[in-house]
Amino acid sequence: MDTDKTNLLFESVTEQILRCAFEVCNTLGPGFLEKVYERALIRELAAAGLVCVSQAPLPVFYKGALVGDYFADILVEDLVLVELKCVDRLMGEHSAQCLNYLKASGKSICLLLNFQKPRLEFRRLVG
């Protein structure tokens, strides 16, 4: 697949994910646990026709040996990792977590979503 088509695909998928996340945020509002938002977002993504995996395992290798696993909150269309938070504000360690997920998975894009406030806070990280 050429770069332009790949970029358009990523943009389309991330746009759909964000649309779904805003719907969840606007419908539920702040104050729930992360797992509630995860389940609601999974339902919204599925309703939008997107294939997603909750708690997607990401093996971590060190010099060829498996040394652990990360679990991304959601993997969408086997392309985009989605990490959910319910925190007062997104911090550097949240972005670092996403970058580690990208490195472990070999994926290119992670959306970091924070549902703690009345308005969805998000970051798009590229690995």
Protein backbone atom coordinates (compact mmCIF):
# COMPACT_ATOMS: atom_id res chain seq x y z
CA MET A 1 0.00 0.00 0.00
CA ASP A 2 1.44 3.39 -0.89
CA THR A 3 2.07 6.06 1.72
CA ASP A 4 -0.79 8.35 0.64
CA LYS A 5 -3.35 5.55 0.85
CA THR A 6 -1.95 4.41 4.19
CA ASN A 7 -2.14 7.94 5.60
CA LEU A 8 -5.74 8.32 4.39
CA LEU A 9 -6.66 5.00 6.00
CA PHE A 10 -5.12 6.03 9.33
CA GLU A 11 -6.83 9.42 9.17
CA SER A 12 -10.19 7.83 8.39
CA VAL A 13 -9.93 5.30 11.23
CA THR A 14 -8.67 7.82 13.80
CA GLU A 15 -11.42 10.25 12.79
CA GLN A 16 -14.06 7.55 13.32
CA ILE A 17 -12.55 6.58 16.68
CA LEU A 18 -12.58 10.19 17.85
CA ARG A 19 -16.16 10.65 16.68
CA CYS A 20 -17.15 7.59 18.71
CA ALA A 21 -15.15 8.77 21.75
CA PHE A 22 -16.84 12.19 21.67
CA GLU A 23 -20.22 10.44 21.52
CA VAL A 24 -19.34 8.34 24.58
CA CYS A 25 -18.05 11.40 26.43
CA ASN A 26 -21.12 13.48 25.59
CA THR A 27 -23.53 10.69 26.48
CA LEU A 28 -21.96 9.46 29.74
CA GLY A 29 -20.24 12.61 30.94
CA PRO A 30 -17.36 12.51 33.44
CA GLY A 31 -17.12 10.55 36.66
CA PHE A 32 -17.14 6.87 35.71
CA LEU A 33 -14.32 4.37 35.97
CA GLU A 34 -12.14 3.77 32.93
CA LYS A 35 -13.66 0.32 32.32
CA VAL A 36 -17.13 1.87 31.83
CA TYR A 37 -15.79 4.17 29.11
CA GLU A 38 -13.89 1.27 27.53
CA ARG A 39 -17.03 -0.86 27.31
CA ALA A 40 -19.11 2.04 25.98
CA LEU A 41 -16.46 2.91 23.40
CA ILE A 42 -16.24 -0.73 22.25
CA ARG A 43 -20.01 -0.67 21.67
CA GLU A 44 -19.84 2.64 19.81
CA LEU A 45 -16.93 1.49 17.62
CA ALA A 46 -18.75 -1.73 16.76
CA ALA A 47 -21.90 0.24 15.89
CA ALA A 48 -19.74 2.33 13.53
CA GLY A 49 -18.64 -0.87 11.80
CA LEU A 50 -15.09 -0.90 13.18
CA VAL A 51 -13.40 -4.11 14.26
CA CYS A 52 -11.89 -3.72 17.70
CA VAL A 53 -10.22 -5.86 20.35
CA SER A 54 -10.47 -4.99 24.03
CA GLN A 55 -7.37 -5.53 26.18
CA ALA A 56 -5.25 -6.42 23.15
CA PRO A 57 -2.08 -8.26 24.27
CA LEU A 58 1.22 -6.76 23.15
CA PRO A 59 4.23 -9.01 23.78
CA VAL A 60 7.50 -7.34 24.79
CA PHE A 61 10.77 -8.89 23.66
CA TYR A 62 14.28 -8.28 24.90
CA LYS A 63 17.09 -9.62 22.71
CA GLY A 64 14.69 -12.10 21.18
CA ALA A 65 13.22 -13.36 24.45
CA LEU A 66 9.68 -12.66 25.63
CA VAL A 67 10.00 -10.66 28.85
CA GLY A 68 6.44 -9.48 29.41
CA ASP A 69 3.17 -8.31 28.01
CA TYR A 70 1.41 -5.00 27.77
CA PHE A 71 -2.34 -4.84 27.28
CA ALA A 72 -3.61 -1.98 25.18
CA ASP A 73 -7.12 -0.91 26.14
CA ILE A 74 -8.40 -1.18 22.57
CA LEU A 75 -6.93 -2.09 19.19
CA VAL A 76 -9.05 -0.83 16.26
CA GLU A 77 -8.94 -2.38 12.78
CA ASP A 78 -5.56 -3.91 13.72
CA LEU A 79 -4.16 -0.43 13.00
CA VAL A 80 -4.73 2.04 15.81
CA LEU A 81 -4.10 1.54 19.52
CA VAL A 82 -6.44 3.37 21.88
CA GLU A 83 -5.44 4.03 25.48
CA LEU A 84 -8.10 5.35 27.85
CA LYS A 85 -7.57 7.39 30.99
CA CYS A 86 -9.73 8.99 33.66
CA VAL A 87 -7.30 11.48 35.17
CA ASP A 88 -7.31 15.20 36.03
CA ARG A 89 -4.94 15.84 33.12
CA LEU A 90 -2.85 13.88 30.69
CA MET A 91 0.78 13.70 31.71
CA GLY A 92 4.08 12.79 30.08
CA GLU A 93 3.98 9.29 31.54
CA HIS A 94 0.67 8.64 29.75
CA SER A 95 2.25 9.59 26.43
CA ALA A 96 5.31 7.47 27.28
CA GLN A 97 3.03 4.50 27.97
CA CYS A 98 1.47 4.91 24.51
CA LEU A 99 4.86 5.19 22.84
CA ASN A 100 5.92 1.96 24.58
CA TYR A 101 2.76 0.29 23.30
CA LEU A 102 3.60 1.44 19.78
CA LYS A 103 7.13 0.11 20.09
CA ALA A 104 5.96 -3.24 21.48
CA SER A 105 3.23 -3.69 18.87
CA GLY A 106 4.93 -2.33 15.78
CA LYS A 107 1.83 -0.17 15.20
CA SER A 108 2.15 3.43 14.04
CA ILE A 109 -0.60 5.38 15.82
CA CYS A 110 -2.01 5.50 19.33
CA LEU A 111 -4.89 7.68 20.46
CA LEU A 112 -4.71 8.66 24.13
CA LEU A 113 -8.18 9.57 25.40
CA ASN A 114 -9.05 11.16 28.76
CA PHE A 115 -12.70 10.97 29.84
CA GLN A 116 -12.29 12.69 33.22
CA LYS A 117 -13.53 16.13 32.16
CA PRO A 118 -16.82 17.21 30.58
CA ARG A 119 -14.95 17.64 27.27
CA LEU A 120 -12.89 14.76 25.89
CA GLU A 121 -9.14 15.37 26.02
CA PHE A 122 -7.06 13.47 23.47
CA ARG A 123 -3.60 13.13 21.97
CA ARG A 124 -2.57 11.42 18.77
CA LEU A 125 0.84 9.80 19.15
CA VAL A 126 2.89 8.49 16.25
CA GLY A 127 5.58 5.87 16.76
